[in-house]
Amino acid sequence: MWRAEPGRAPGCSRETAATAARLLLLLMLVLLPAVQPSKRFLRSAGPKHDNLKIVGSVVFPVKVYVKLNHHSPRILCLTNHLRNLELIDPIFQWTGPGGGLSSKNSSVQISPSGTLILRRFNQSGVYTCSIVYKLTAMQPVEHLIIKYLIYAYSDPKNYYEFTARYHTAPCNSSENAHFEQALLQILSKLVAELSCEVTLIKSECHHVKMQRGGLQNENFFTFSVTSLDRENHRLCQQRDCDAFYRLTKAKHLIERFFKQQVEIIRKSSELLLPKIYYIEGTLQMVWVDRCYPGYGMNAQMHPECPECCVVCSPGSYNPSNGNHCLQCDRSLIYGATKC
């Protein structure tokens, strides 16, 4: 890794250094058209599973996973055995975590045959269906209780986090703040066509003692690249709509951007180095999965949805953007964010 020693070359004025810094910013801006994608990638609404039907059991509660603020599949007030029978005068009654359910509630739809659909689902818990029926007109009434455990889940918040180091002006210099703002604008523009967003997580200036050398000022940047979850009426190719695909494209553009900075610095090495420049080899990018507060991944408890961020059950909580729900005996609700 090549770095310049701190200080100025003999005979170099402050004006010359400032001019070089402005030249670097200009070169960085010139790079943008070469690495921007040629088309916009926007998300379109995925297919809805309107025909999916969930059948219950009298042996154990059936687990159902419904995406947060989406509609549930059709949940039947029947077992596999009852589905194949003719039922006389059946009466269905659903109850949820908040009490009895009725189609009078805009978030609940119950068909005459007892099928339940939960709209804009956000209330996890035990849902119970009571069915009273006869198999023949002459037989006595039979009564069954069918329970479902219905969990809200959300997709993980996926993003790339990347760090980079720059040789910089003295830590108290206002030039650093101006450069930081310009760099963020460049990176944001770079990935905007992919419907991605760059956020500055932190920026820290440090004095670094070089190997067999003196001190130099370095700025340690940490950024995140996230995909914007947009609904759009325009249809797009499935791969182009996928957040992971767009983030991967954004990653490649950012890596190329920093690589081109190195090439420019190498070509201008015979001239005066600018005061602020990227330090070759310091770019690091990592893939991050995070669940929202109150949600977590648990492949053992939810093997049907191992990569989902499922709402934390009573007895657990997730206070921040971690990946797992933490144990808390005092937590009595679903989706707890504190113990």
C-alpha atoms as a PDB file:
ATOM      1  CA  MET A   1       0.000   0.000   0.000  1.00  0.00           C
ATOM      2  CA  TRP A   2       1.479   3.308  -1.085  1.00  0.00           C
ATOM      3  CA  ARG A   3       1.048   6.424   1.027  1.00  0.00           C
ATOM      4  CA  ALA A   4       2.509   9.892   0.886  1.00  0.00           C
ATOM      5  CA  GLU A   5       4.421  11.210   3.860  1.00  0.00           C
ATOM      6  CA  PRO A   6       2.757  14.111   5.687  1.00  0.00           C
ATOM      7  CA  GLY A   7       3.770  17.649   5.071  1.00  0.00           C
ATOM      8  CA  ARG A   8       4.239  19.695   1.923  1.00  0.00           C
ATOM      9  CA  ALA A   9       6.849  19.490  -0.756  1.00  0.00           C
ATOM     10  CA  PRO A  10       9.472  22.257  -0.601  1.00  0.00           C
ATOM     11  CA  GLY A  11       8.263  25.408  -2.228  1.00  0.00           C
ATOM     12  CA  CYS A  12       4.636  24.302  -2.330  1.00  0.00           C
ATOM     13  CA  SER A  13       2.107  26.959  -1.357  1.00  0.00           C
ATOM     14  CA  ARG A  14      -1.256  26.483   0.322  1.00  0.00           C
ATOM     15  CA  GLU A  15      -2.925  27.763  -2.810  1.00  0.00           C
ATOM     16  CA  THR A  16      -1.315  25.000  -4.858  1.00  0.00           C
ATOM     17  CA  ALA A  17      -2.483  22.327  -2.413  1.00  0.00           C
ATOM     18  CA  ALA A  18      -6.010  23.714  -2.450  1.00  0.00           C
ATOM     19  CA  THR A  19      -5.972  23.720  -6.231  1.00  0.00           C
ATOM     20  CA  ALA A  20      -4.874  20.087  -6.263  1.00  0.00           C
ATOM     21  CA  ALA A  21      -7.656  19.139  -3.869  1.00  0.00           C
ATOM     22  CA  ARG A  22     -10.210  20.833  -6.091  1.00  0.00           C
ATOM     23  CA  LEU A  23      -8.717  19.020  -9.072  1.00  0.00           C
ATOM     24  CA  LEU A  24      -9.227  15.664  -7.342  1.00  0.00           C
ATOM     25  CA  LEU A  25     -12.871  16.449  -6.688  1.00  0.00           C
ATOM     26  CA  LEU A  26     -13.284  17.432 -10.319  1.00  0.00           C
ATOM     27  CA  LEU A  27     -11.701  14.165 -11.436  1.00  0.00           C
ATOM     28  CA  MET A  28     -14.012  12.221  -9.134  1.00  0.00           C
ATOM     29  CA  LEU A  29     -17.013  13.960 -10.646  1.00  0.00           C
ATOM     30  CA  VAL A  30     -15.753  13.160 -14.132  1.00  0.00           C
ATOM     31  CA  LEU A  31     -15.686   9.473 -13.221  1.00  0.00           C
ATOM     32  CA  LEU A  32     -19.400   9.305 -12.559  1.00  0.00           C
ATOM     33  CA  PRO A  33     -20.716   9.032 -16.122  1.00  0.00           C
ATOM     34  CA  ALA A  34     -18.393   6.083 -16.756  1.00  0.00           C
ATOM     35  CA  VAL A  35     -19.765   3.957 -13.950  1.00  0.00           C
ATOM     36  CA  GLN A  36     -23.454   4.819 -13.783  1.00  0.00           C
ATOM     37  CA  PRO A  37     -25.878   2.076 -14.837  1.00  0.00           C
ATOM     38  CA  SER A  38     -27.878   2.576 -17.997  1.00  0.00           C
ATOM     39  CA  LYS A  39     -31.334   1.882 -16.627  1.00  0.00           C
ATOM     40  CA  ARG A  40     -33.426   2.336 -13.515  1.00  0.00           C
ATOM     41  CA  PHE A  41     -34.323  -0.665 -11.382  1.00  0.00           C
ATOM     42  CA  LEU A  42     -37.592  -0.289  -9.508  1.00  0.00           C
ATOM     43  CA  ARG A  43     -39.529  -2.787  -7.448  1.00  0.00           C
ATOM     44  CA  SER A  44     -42.974  -3.927  -8.562  1.00  0.00           C
ATOM     45  CA  ALA A  45     -45.494  -5.677  -6.357  1.00  0.00           C
ATOM     46  CA  GLY A  46     -44.974  -9.429  -6.233  1.00  0.00           C
ATOM     47  CA  PRO A  47     -47.695 -12.013  -6.871  1.00  0.00           C
ATOM     48  CA  LYS A  48     -50.263 -12.534  -4.110  1.00  0.00           C
ATOM     49  CA  HIS A  49     -51.021 -16.045  -2.900  1.00  0.00           C
ATOM     50  CA  ASP A  50     -54.794 -15.637  -2.959  1.00  0.00           C
ATOM     51  CA  ASN A  51     -55.415 -19.344  -3.519  1.00  0.00           C
ATOM     52  CA  LEU A  52     -53.249 -20.639  -0.675  1.00  0.00           C
ATOM     53  CA  LYS A  53     -55.322 -22.365   2.014  1.00  0.00           C
ATOM     54  CA  ILE A  54     -54.165 -23.352   5.503  1.00  0.00           C
ATOM     55  CA  VAL A  55     -55.818 -26.322   7.218  1.00  0.00           C
ATOM     56  CA  GLY A  56     -55.897 -26.702  11.009  1.00  0.00           C
ATOM     57  CA  SER A  57     -55.363 -29.568  13.439  1.00  0.00           C
ATOM     58  CA  VAL A  58     -56.940 -30.629  16.731  1.00  0.00           C
ATOM     59  CA  VAL A  59     -53.655 -32.233  17.828  1.00  0.00           C
ATOM     60  CA  PHE A  60     -51.438 -29.132  17.893  1.00  0.00           C
ATOM     61  CA  PRO A  61     -51.659 -25.433  16.912  1.00  0.00           C
ATOM     62  CA  VAL A  62     -50.672 -24.884  13.294  1.00  0.00           C
ATOM     63  CA  LYS A  63     -48.076 -22.144  12.748  1.00  0.00           C
ATOM     64  CA  VAL A  64     -48.853 -19.539  10.100  1.00  0.00           C
ATOM     65  CA  TYR A  65     -46.459 -16.786   8.989  1.00  0.00           C
ATOM     66  CA  VAL A  66     -47.924 -13.597   7.553  1.00  0.00           C
ATOM     67  CA  LYS A  67     -45.820 -10.753   6.239  1.00  0.00           C
ATOM     68  CA  LEU A  68     -46.272  -7.635   8.335  1.00  0.00           C
ATOM     69  CA  ASN A  69     -48.988  -5.295   6.993  1.00  0.00           C
ATOM     70  CA  HIS A  70     -49.949  -7.797   4.267  1.00  0.00           C
ATOM     71  CA  HIS A  71     -52.973 -10.060   3.883  1.00  0.00           C
ATOM     72  CA  SER A  72     -52.912 -13.566   5.289  1.00  0.00           C
ATOM     73  CA  PRO A  73     -53.634 -16.673   3.218  1.00  0.00           C
ATOM     74  CA  ARG A  74     -57.048 -18.313   3.594  1.00  0.00           C
ATOM     75  CA  ILE A  75     -57.147 -19.935   7.036  1.00  0.00           C
ATOM     76  CA  LEU A  76     -59.781 -22.670   7.236  1.00  0.00           C
ATOM     77  CA  CYS A  77     -61.858 -23.540  10.269  1.00  0.00           C
ATOM     78  CA  LEU A  78     -61.462 -27.187   9.283  1.00  0.00           C
ATOM     79  CA  THR A  79     -59.129 -30.134   9.668  1.00  0.00           C
ATOM     80  CA  ASN A  80     -58.059 -32.384   6.809  1.00  0.00           C
ATOM     81  CA  HIS A  81     -60.556 -34.940   8.067  1.00  0.00           C
ATOM     82  CA  LEU A  82     -63.473 -32.478   8.146  1.00  0.00           C
ATOM     83  CA  ARG A  83     -62.648 -31.131   4.678  1.00  0.00           C
ATOM     84  CA  ASN A  84     -63.646 -34.481   3.225  1.00  0.00           C
ATOM     85  CA  LEU A  85     -66.949 -34.700   5.088  1.00  0.00           C
ATOM     86  CA  GLU A  86     -70.379 -33.209   4.575  1.00  0.00           C
ATOM     87  CA  LEU A  87     -71.226 -30.985   7.550  1.00  0.00           C
ATOM     88  CA  ILE A  88     -74.795 -30.144   8.500  1.00  0.00           C
ATOM     89  CA  ASP A  89     -75.648 -26.754  10.026  1.00  0.00           C
ATOM     90  CA  PRO A  90     -72.039 -25.798  10.774  1.00  0.00           C
ATOM     91  CA  ILE A  91     -71.474 -22.751  12.969  1.00  0.00           C
ATOM     92  CA  PHE A  92     -68.067 -21.084  12.975  1.00  0.00           C
ATOM     93  CA  GLN A  93     -66.712 -18.651  15.555  1.00  0.00           C
ATOM     94  CA  TRP A  94     -63.250 -17.081  15.443  1.00  0.00           C
ATOM     95  CA  THR A  95     -61.414 -15.410  18.322  1.00  0.00           C
ATOM     96  CA  GLY A  96     -58.046 -13.670  18.246  1.00  0.00           C
ATOM     97  CA  PRO A  97     -55.610 -12.088  20.716  1.00  0.00           C
ATOM     98  CA  GLY A  98     -58.019  -9.198  21.217  1.00  0.00           C
ATOM     99  CA  GLY A  99     -61.224 -11.237  21.525  1.00  0.00           C
ATOM    100  CA  GLY A 100     -63.955 -12.229  19.074  1.00  0.00           C
ATOM    101  CA  LEU A 101     -63.435 -11.630  15.360  1.00  0.00           C
ATOM    102  CA  SER A 102     -66.062 -10.274  13.006  1.00  0.00           C
ATOM    103  CA  SER A 103     -66.194  -9.172   9.381  1.00  0.00           C
ATOM    104  CA  LYS A 104     -67.498  -5.850  10.674  1.00  0.00           C
ATOM    105  CA  ASN A 105     -63.845  -5.102  11.380  1.00  0.00           C
ATOM    106  CA  SER A 106     -62.168  -3.863   8.191  1.00  0.00           C
ATOM    107  CA  SER A 107     -59.037  -5.882   8.981  1.00  0.00           C
ATOM    108  CA  VAL A 108     -60.971  -9.174   9.213  1.00  0.00           C
ATOM    109  CA  GLN A 109     -62.807 -11.153   6.550  1.00  0.00           C
ATOM    110  CA  ILE A 110     -64.739 -14.309   7.489  1.00  0.00           C
ATOM    111  CA  SER A 111     -66.607 -16.218   4.804  1.00  0.00           C
ATOM    112  CA  PRO A 112     -69.906 -18.087   5.432  1.00  0.00           C
ATOM    113  CA  SER A 113     -67.877 -21.318   5.394  1.00  0.00           C
ATOM    114  CA  GLY A 114     -65.657 -20.058   8.222  1.00  0.00           C
ATOM    115  CA  THR A 115     -62.569 -19.177   6.191  1.00  0.00           C
ATOM    116  CA  LEU A 116     -60.562 -16.367   7.798  1.00  0.00           C
ATOM    117  CA  ILE A 117     -58.470 -13.744   6.005  1.00  0.00           C
ATOM    118  CA  LEU A 118     -56.582 -11.155   8.057  1.00  0.00           C
ATOM    119  CA  ARG A 119     -55.962  -7.897   6.220  1.00  0.00           C
ATOM    120  CA  ARG A 120     -52.943  -5.641   6.819  1.00  0.00           C
ATOM    121  CA  PHE A 121     -51.889  -8.124   9.480  1.00  0.00           C
ATOM    122  CA  ASN A 122     -50.043  -6.796  12.524  1.00  0.00           C
ATOM    123  CA  GLN A 123     -51.445  -8.639  15.563  1.00  0.00           C
ATOM    124  CA  SER A 124     -49.562 -11.862  16.253  1.00  0.00           C
ATOM    125  CA  GLY A 125     -50.793 -14.494  18.659  1.00  0.00           C
ATOM    126  CA  VAL A 126     -53.174 -17.408  19.116  1.00  0.00           C
ATOM    127  CA  TYR A 127     -56.220 -17.510  16.849  1.00  0.00           C
ATOM    128  CA  THR A 128     -58.930 -20.021  17.732  1.00  0.00           C
ATOM    129  CA  CYS A 129     -61.817 -21.300  15.671  1.00  0.00           C
ATOM    130  CA  SER A 130     -64.771 -23.069  17.249  1.00  0.00           C
ATOM    131  CA  ILE A 131     -66.885 -25.212  14.918  1.00  0.00           C
ATOM    132  CA  VAL A 132     -70.219 -26.786  15.870  1.00  0.00           C
ATOM    133  CA  TYR A 133     -71.730 -29.228  13.356  1.00  0.00           C
ATOM    134  CA  LYS A 134     -73.593 -32.487  12.693  1.00  0.00           C
ATOM    135  CA  LEU A 135     -72.541 -35.287  10.398  1.00  0.00           C
ATOM    136  CA  THR A 136     -76.171 -36.363   9.884  1.00  0.00           C
ATOM    137  CA  ALA A 137     -79.427 -34.726  10.831  1.00  0.00           C
ATOM    138  CA  MET A 138     -80.116 -37.484  13.349  1.00  0.00           C
ATOM    139  CA  GLN A 139     -76.737 -37.434  15.101  1.00  0.00           C
ATOM    140  CA  PRO A 140     -75.914 -35.226  18.093  1.00  0.00           C
ATOM    141  CA  VAL A 141     -74.028 -31.965  17.688  1.00  0.00           C
ATOM    142  CA  GLU A 142     -70.227 -32.193  17.665  1.00  0.00           C
ATOM    143  CA  HIS A 143     -67.861 -29.447  18.739  1.00  0.00           C
ATOM    144  CA  LEU A 144     -64.213 -28.911  17.786  1.00  0.00           C
ATOM    145  CA  ILE A 145     -61.636 -26.278  18.745  1.00  0.00           C
ATOM    146  CA  ILE A 146     -58.912 -25.533  16.191  1.00  0.00           C
ATOM    147  CA  LYS A 147     -55.959 -23.320  17.133  1.00  0.00           C
ATOM    148  CA  TYR A 148     -53.479 -21.437  14.994  1.00  0.00           C
ATOM    149  CA  LEU A 149     -50.308 -19.610  16.030  1.00  0.00           C
ATOM    150  CA  ILE A 150     -50.111 -16.721  13.584  1.00  0.00           C
ATOM    151  CA  TYR A 151     -46.821 -14.811  13.475  1.00  0.00           C
ATOM    152  CA  ALA A 152     -46.022 -11.564  11.721  1.00  0.00           C
ATOM    153  CA  TYR A 153     -42.681 -11.530   9.969  1.00  0.00           C
ATOM    154  CA  SER A 154     -40.654  -9.085   7.938  1.00  0.00           C
ATOM    155  CA  ASP A 155     -37.808  -9.492   5.516  1.00  0.00           C
ATOM    156  CA  PRO A 156     -34.358  -8.775   6.960  1.00  0.00           C
ATOM    157  CA  LYS A 157     -32.968  -5.324   6.427  1.00  0.00           C
ATOM    158  CA  ASN A 158     -30.093  -6.149   4.088  1.00  0.00           C
ATOM    159  CA  TYR A 159     -27.367  -3.705   3.185  1.00  0.00           C
ATOM    160  CA  TYR A 160     -23.677  -3.334   2.487  1.00  0.00           C
ATOM    161  CA  GLU A 161     -21.487  -1.529   4.975  1.00  0.00           C
ATOM    162  CA  PHE A 162     -18.183  -0.225   3.691  1.00  0.00           C
ATOM    163  CA  THR A 163     -15.226   1.608   5.158  1.00  0.00           C
ATOM    164  CA  ALA A 164     -12.524   3.630   3.440  1.00  0.00           C
ATOM    165  CA  ARG A 165      -9.626   5.795   4.574  1.00  0.00           C
ATOM    166  CA  TYR A 166      -8.451   9.068   3.094  1.00  0.00           C
ATOM    167  CA  HIS A 167      -5.277  11.041   3.577  1.00  0.00           C
ATOM    168  CA  THR A 168      -6.724  14.319   4.711  1.00  0.00           C
ATOM    169  CA  ALA A 169      -6.125  17.871   5.834  1.00  0.00           C
ATOM    170  CA  PRO A 170      -5.475  18.661   9.513  1.00  0.00           C
ATOM    171  CA  CYS A 171      -8.328  17.259  11.581  1.00  0.00           C
ATOM    172  CA  ASN A 172      -9.618  20.702  12.558  1.00  0.00           C
ATOM    173  CA  SER A 173      -9.670  21.936   8.963  1.00  0.00           C
ATOM    174  CA  SER A 174     -12.983  22.891   7.374  1.00  0.00           C
ATOM    175  CA  GLU A 175     -11.734  21.317   4.137  1.00  0.00           C
ATOM    176  CA  ASN A 176     -12.489  17.886   5.586  1.00  0.00           C
ATOM    177  CA  ALA A 177     -16.156  18.721   6.142  1.00  0.00           C
ATOM    178  CA  HIS A 178     -16.505  20.043   2.592  1.00  0.00           C
ATOM    179  CA  PHE A 179     -14.826  16.947   1.179  1.00  0.00           C
ATOM    180  CA  GLU A 180     -17.032  14.651   3.284  1.00  0.00           C
ATOM    181  CA  GLN A 181     -20.152  16.325   1.909  1.00  0.00           C
ATOM    182  CA  ALA A 182     -18.870  16.134  -1.668  1.00  0.00           C
ATOM    183  CA  LEU A 183     -17.919  12.452  -1.322  1.00  0.00           C
ATOM    184  CA  LEU A 184     -21.352  11.545   0.042  1.00  0.00           C
ATOM    185  CA  GLN A 185     -23.045  13.377  -2.831  1.00  0.00           C
ATOM    186  CA  ILE A 186     -20.905  11.532  -5.378  1.00  0.00           C
ATOM    187  CA  LEU A 187     -21.583   8.109  -3.865  1.00  0.00           C
ATOM    188  CA  SER A 188     -25.308   8.845  -3.595  1.00  0.00           C
ATOM    189  CA  LYS A 189     -25.490   9.896  -7.230  1.00  0.00           C
ATOM    190  CA  LEU A 190     -23.524   6.809  -8.219  1.00  0.00           C
ATOM    191  CA  VAL A 191     -26.192   4.364  -6.974  1.00  0.00           C
ATOM    192  CA  ALA A 192     -29.339   6.479  -7.344  1.00  0.00           C
ATOM    193  CA  GLU A 193     -30.253   4.901 -10.694  1.00  0.00           C
ATOM    194  CA  LEU A 194     -30.348   1.517  -8.945  1.00  0.00           C
ATOM    195  CA  SER A 195     -32.885   2.820  -6.416  1.00  0.00           C
ATOM    196  CA  CYS A 196     -30.224   2.482  -3.737  1.00  0.00           C
ATOM    197  CA  GLU A 197     -29.153   4.955  -1.084  1.00  0.00           C
ATOM    198  CA  VAL A 198     -25.792   5.715   0.530  1.00  0.00           C
ATOM    199  CA  THR A 199     -25.738   6.917   4.140  1.00  0.00           C
ATOM    200  CA  LEU A 200     -22.745   8.173   6.090  1.00  0.00           C
ATOM    201  CA  ILE A 201     -22.636   6.235   9.368  1.00  0.00           C
ATOM    202  CA  LYS A 202     -19.592   7.949  10.833  1.00  0.00           C
ATOM    203  CA  SER A 203     -16.501   9.926   9.933  1.00  0.00           C
ATOM    204  CA  GLU A 204     -13.494  10.119  12.241  1.00  0.00           C
ATOM    205  CA  CYS A 205     -10.201  11.946  11.756  1.00  0.00           C
ATOM    206  CA  HIS A 206      -7.102  10.409  13.360  1.00  0.00           C
ATOM    207  CA  HIS A 207      -3.355  11.012  13.535  1.00  0.00           C
ATOM    208  CA  VAL A 208      -1.645   7.892  12.194  1.00  0.00           C
ATOM    209  CA  LYS A 209       2.011   7.035  12.890  1.00  0.00           C
ATOM    210  CA  MET A 210       3.399   5.527   9.708  1.00  0.00           C
ATOM    211  CA  GLN A 211       5.791   2.584   9.660  1.00  0.00           C
ATOM    212  CA  ARG A 212       9.299   4.033   9.736  1.00  0.00           C
ATOM    213  CA  GLY A 213       7.771   7.433   9.145  1.00  0.00           C
ATOM    214  CA  GLY A 214       6.082  10.373  10.781  1.00  0.00           C
ATOM    215  CA  LEU A 215       2.477  11.245  11.554  1.00  0.00           C
ATOM    216  CA  GLN A 216      -0.188  11.854   8.943  1.00  0.00           C
ATOM    217  CA  ASN A 217      -3.862  12.779   9.163  1.00  0.00           C
ATOM    218  CA  GLU A 218      -6.369  10.183   8.003  1.00  0.00           C
ATOM    219  CA  ASN A 219     -10.149  10.252   7.829  1.00  0.00           C
ATOM    220  CA  PHE A 220     -11.904   6.940   8.531  1.00  0.00           C
ATOM    221  CA  PHE A 221     -15.272   6.808   6.723  1.00  0.00           C
ATOM    222  CA  THR A 222     -18.045   4.266   7.305  1.00  0.00           C
ATOM    223  CA  PHE A 223     -20.994   4.187   4.887  1.00  0.00           C
ATOM    224  CA  SER A 224     -24.007   1.954   4.314  1.00  0.00           C
ATOM    225  CA  VAL A 225     -25.675   1.138   0.984  1.00  0.00           C
ATOM    226  CA  THR A 226     -29.345   0.166   1.210  1.00  0.00           C
ATOM    227  CA  SER A 227     -32.003  -0.547  -1.397  1.00  0.00           C
ATOM    228  CA  LEU A 228     -35.068   1.662  -1.458  1.00  0.00           C
ATOM    229  CA  ASP A 229     -38.241  -0.415  -1.128  1.00  0.00           C
ATOM    230  CA  ARG A 230     -40.424   1.253  -3.737  1.00  0.00           C
ATOM    231  CA  GLU A 231     -43.691   0.123  -5.278  1.00  0.00           C
ATOM    232  CA  ASN A 232     -44.091   1.176  -8.884  1.00  0.00           C
ATOM    233  CA  HIS A 233     -46.662   0.549 -11.542  1.00  0.00           C
ATOM    234  CA  ARG A 234     -43.971  -0.147 -14.107  1.00  0.00           C
ATOM    235  CA  LEU A 235     -43.213  -3.815 -14.540  1.00  0.00           C
ATOM    236  CA  CYS A 236     -39.585  -4.841 -14.530  1.00  0.00           C
ATOM    237  CA  GLN A 237     -37.612  -8.013 -14.930  1.00  0.00           C
ATOM    238  CA  GLN A 238     -37.747 -10.080 -11.731  1.00  0.00           C
ATOM    239  CA  ARG A 239     -33.957 -10.024 -11.329  1.00  0.00           C
ATOM    240  CA  ASP A 240     -33.850  -6.245 -11.813  1.00  0.00           C
ATOM    241  CA  CYS A 241     -36.496  -5.751  -9.115  1.00  0.00           C
ATOM    242  CA  ASP A 242     -34.628  -7.893  -6.595  1.00  0.00           C
ATOM    243  CA  ALA A 243     -32.991  -5.878  -3.808  1.00  0.00           C
ATOM    244  CA  PHE A 244     -30.008  -8.219  -3.557  1.00  0.00           C
ATOM    245  CA  TYR A 245     -29.304  -7.873  -7.275  1.00  0.00           C
ATOM    246  CA  ARG A 246     -29.470  -4.075  -7.105  1.00  0.00           C
ATOM    247  CA  LEU A 247     -27.244  -3.971  -4.028  1.00  0.00           C
ATOM    248  CA  THR A 248     -24.717  -6.222  -5.749  1.00  0.00           C
ATOM    249  CA  LYS A 249     -24.664  -3.848  -8.724  1.00  0.00           C
ATOM    250  CA  ALA A 250     -24.205  -0.910  -6.339  1.00  0.00           C
ATOM    251  CA  LYS A 251     -21.295  -2.710  -4.658  1.00  0.00           C
ATOM    252  CA  HIS A 252     -19.537  -3.204  -7.990  1.00  0.00           C
ATOM    253  CA  LEU A 253     -20.021   0.454  -8.941  1.00  0.00           C
ATOM    254  CA  ILE A 254     -18.576   1.650  -5.635  1.00  0.00           C
ATOM    255  CA  GLU A 255     -15.587  -0.693  -5.899  1.00  0.00           C
ATOM    256  CA  ARG A 256     -14.940   0.536  -9.425  1.00  0.00           C
ATOM    257  CA  PHE A 257     -15.196   4.149  -8.276  1.00  0.00           C
ATOM    258  CA  PHE A 258     -12.473   3.694  -5.646  1.00  0.00           C
ATOM    259  CA  LYS A 259     -10.305   1.696  -8.049  1.00  0.00           C
ATOM    260  CA  GLN A 260     -10.439   4.557 -10.540  1.00  0.00           C
ATOM    261  CA  GLN A 261      -9.351   6.988  -7.829  1.00  0.00           C
ATOM    262  CA  VAL A 262      -6.229   4.863  -7.317  1.00  0.00           C
ATOM    263  CA  GLU A 263      -5.510   4.895 -11.050  1.00  0.00           C
ATOM    264  CA  ILE A 264      -5.786   8.681 -11.177  1.00  0.00           C
ATOM    265  CA  ILE A 265      -3.456   9.102  -8.200  1.00  0.00           C
ATOM    266  CA  ARG A 266      -0.893   6.767  -9.780  1.00  0.00           C
ATOM    267  CA  LYS A 267      -0.966   8.697 -13.053  1.00  0.00           C
ATOM    268  CA  SER A 268      -0.466  11.978 -11.213  1.00  0.00           C
ATOM    269  CA  SER A 269       2.223  10.647  -8.843  1.00  0.00           C
ATOM    270  CA  GLU A 270       4.890  12.670 -10.624  1.00  0.00           C
ATOM    271  CA  LEU A 271       2.967  15.822  -9.793  1.00  0.00           C
ATOM    272  CA  LEU A 272       2.066  17.232  -6.411  1.00  0.00           C
ATOM    273  CA  LEU A 273      -0.278  14.945  -4.510  1.00  0.00           C
ATOM    274  CA  PRO A 274      -3.530  16.573  -3.396  1.00  0.00           C
ATOM    275  CA  LYS A 275      -4.060  17.158   0.283  1.00  0.00           C
ATOM    276  CA  ILE A 276      -7.056  14.798   0.368  1.00  0.00           C
ATOM    277  CA  TYR A 277      -6.948  11.484  -1.460  1.00  0.00           C
ATOM    278  CA  TYR A 278      -8.089   7.874  -1.074  1.00  0.00           C
ATOM    279  CA  ILE A 279      -5.542   5.499   0.493  1.00  0.00           C
ATOM    280  CA  GLU A 280      -5.177   2.469  -1.735  1.00  0.00           C
ATOM    281  CA  GLY A 281      -6.286  -0.878  -0.302  1.00  0.00           C
ATOM    282  CA  THR A 282      -8.397   0.499   2.556  1.00  0.00           C
ATOM    283  CA  LEU A 283     -11.836  -0.117   1.030  1.00  0.00           C
ATOM    284  CA  GLN A 284     -13.641  -2.929   2.884  1.00  0.00           C
ATOM    285  CA  MET A 285     -17.232  -4.007   2.145  1.00  0.00           C
ATOM    286  CA  VAL A 286     -19.316  -6.452   4.203  1.00  0.00           C
ATOM    287  CA  TRP A 287     -22.865  -7.787   3.779  1.00  0.00           C
ATOM    288  CA  VAL A 288     -25.138  -7.099   6.763  1.00  0.00           C
ATOM    289  CA  ASP A 289     -28.460  -8.706   7.775  1.00  0.00           C
ATOM    290  CA  ARG A 290     -30.506  -6.965  10.442  1.00  0.00           C
ATOM    291  CA  CYS A 291     -33.989  -7.441  11.867  1.00  0.00           C
ATOM    292  CA  TYR A 292     -36.119  -4.537  13.001  1.00  0.00           C
ATOM    293  CA  PRO A 293     -36.697  -4.008  16.752  1.00  0.00           C
ATOM    294  CA  GLY A 294     -39.177  -6.546  18.115  1.00  0.00           C
ATOM    295  CA  TYR A 295     -38.282  -9.123  15.435  1.00  0.00           C
ATOM    296  CA  GLY A 296     -35.592 -11.777  15.159  1.00  0.00           C
ATOM    297  CA  MET A 297     -34.405 -14.900  13.331  1.00  0.00           C
ATOM    298  CA  ASN A 298     -34.705 -18.294  15.019  1.00  0.00           C
ATOM    299  CA  ALA A 299     -34.317 -21.316  12.741  1.00  0.00           C
ATOM    300  CA  GLN A 300     -34.912 -23.698  15.649  1.00  0.00           C
ATOM    301  CA  MET A 301     -38.206 -22.144  16.738  1.00  0.00           C
ATOM    302  CA  HIS A 302     -39.342 -21.251  13.212  1.00  0.00           C
ATOM    303  CA  PRO A 303     -37.908 -23.929  10.872  1.00  0.00           C
ATOM    304  CA  GLU A 304     -40.643 -23.106   8.347  1.00  0.00           C
ATOM    305  CA  CYS A 305     -39.253 -19.579   8.021  1.00  0.00           C
ATOM    306  CA  PRO A 306     -35.565 -19.771   9.049  1.00  0.00           C
ATOM    307  CA  GLU A 307     -34.414 -16.621   7.244  1.00  0.00           C
ATOM    308  CA  CYS A 308     -37.432 -14.527   8.247  1.00  0.00           C
ATOM    309  CA  CYS A 309     -37.384 -11.857  10.918  1.00  0.00           C
ATOM    310  CA  VAL A 310     -40.289 -13.247  12.960  1.00  0.00           C
ATOM    311  CA  VAL A 311     -41.989 -11.250  15.701  1.00  0.00           C
ATOM    312  CA  CYS A 312     -40.491 -11.935  19.139  1.00  0.00           C
ATOM    313  CA  SER A 313     -42.773 -14.174  21.209  1.00  0.00           C
ATOM    314  CA  PRO A 314     -43.711 -13.462  24.844  1.00  0.00           C
ATOM    315  CA  GLY A 315     -40.671 -14.173  26.980  1.00  0.00           C
ATOM    316  CA  SER A 316     -38.298 -12.508  24.532  1.00  0.00           C
ATOM    317  CA  TYR A 317     -37.503  -9.100  23.016  1.00  0.00           C
ATOM    318  CA  ASN A 318     -35.201  -7.346  20.561  1.00  0.00           C
ATOM    319  CA  PRO A 319     -34.328  -3.773  21.555  1.00  0.00           C
ATOM    320  CA  SER A 320     -32.387  -2.774  18.440  1.00  0.00           C
ATOM    321  CA  ASN A 321     -31.468  -3.849  14.941  1.00  0.00           C
ATOM    322  CA  GLY A 322     -30.046  -7.194  16.037  1.00  0.00           C
ATOM    323  CA  ASN A 323     -30.632 -10.567  14.430  1.00  0.00           C
ATOM    324  CA  HIS A 324     -32.120 -12.476  17.353  1.00  0.00           C
ATOM    325  CA  CYS A 325     -34.745 -12.111  20.058  1.00  0.00           C
ATOM    326  CA  LEU A 326     -33.236 -12.085  23.548  1.00  0.00           C
ATOM    327  CA  GLN A 327     -34.722 -13.932  26.497  1.00  0.00           C
ATOM    328  CA  CYS A 328     -36.756 -11.869  28.970  1.00  0.00           C
ATOM    329  CA  ASP A 329     -39.144 -13.562  31.387  1.00  0.00           C
ATOM    330  CA  ARG A 330     -40.879 -10.249  32.111  1.00  0.00           C
ATOM    331  CA  SER A 331     -41.890  -9.737  28.478  1.00  0.00           C
ATOM    332  CA  LEU A 332     -45.558 -10.675  28.076  1.00  0.00           C
ATOM    333  CA  ILE A 333     -46.334  -9.392  24.583  1.00  0.00           C
ATOM    334  CA  TYR A 334     -45.444 -10.162  20.980  1.00  0.00           C
ATOM    335  CA  GLY A 335     -42.928  -7.826  19.386  1.00  0.00           C
ATOM    336  CA  ALA A 336     -41.413  -6.497  22.613  1.00  0.00           C
ATOM    337  CA  THR A 337     -38.573  -4.013  22.165  1.00  0.00           C
ATOM    338  CA  LYS A 338     -37.610  -3.752  25.821  1.00  0.00           C
ATOM    339  CA  CYS A 339     -37.466  -6.074  28.795  1.00  0.00           C
END
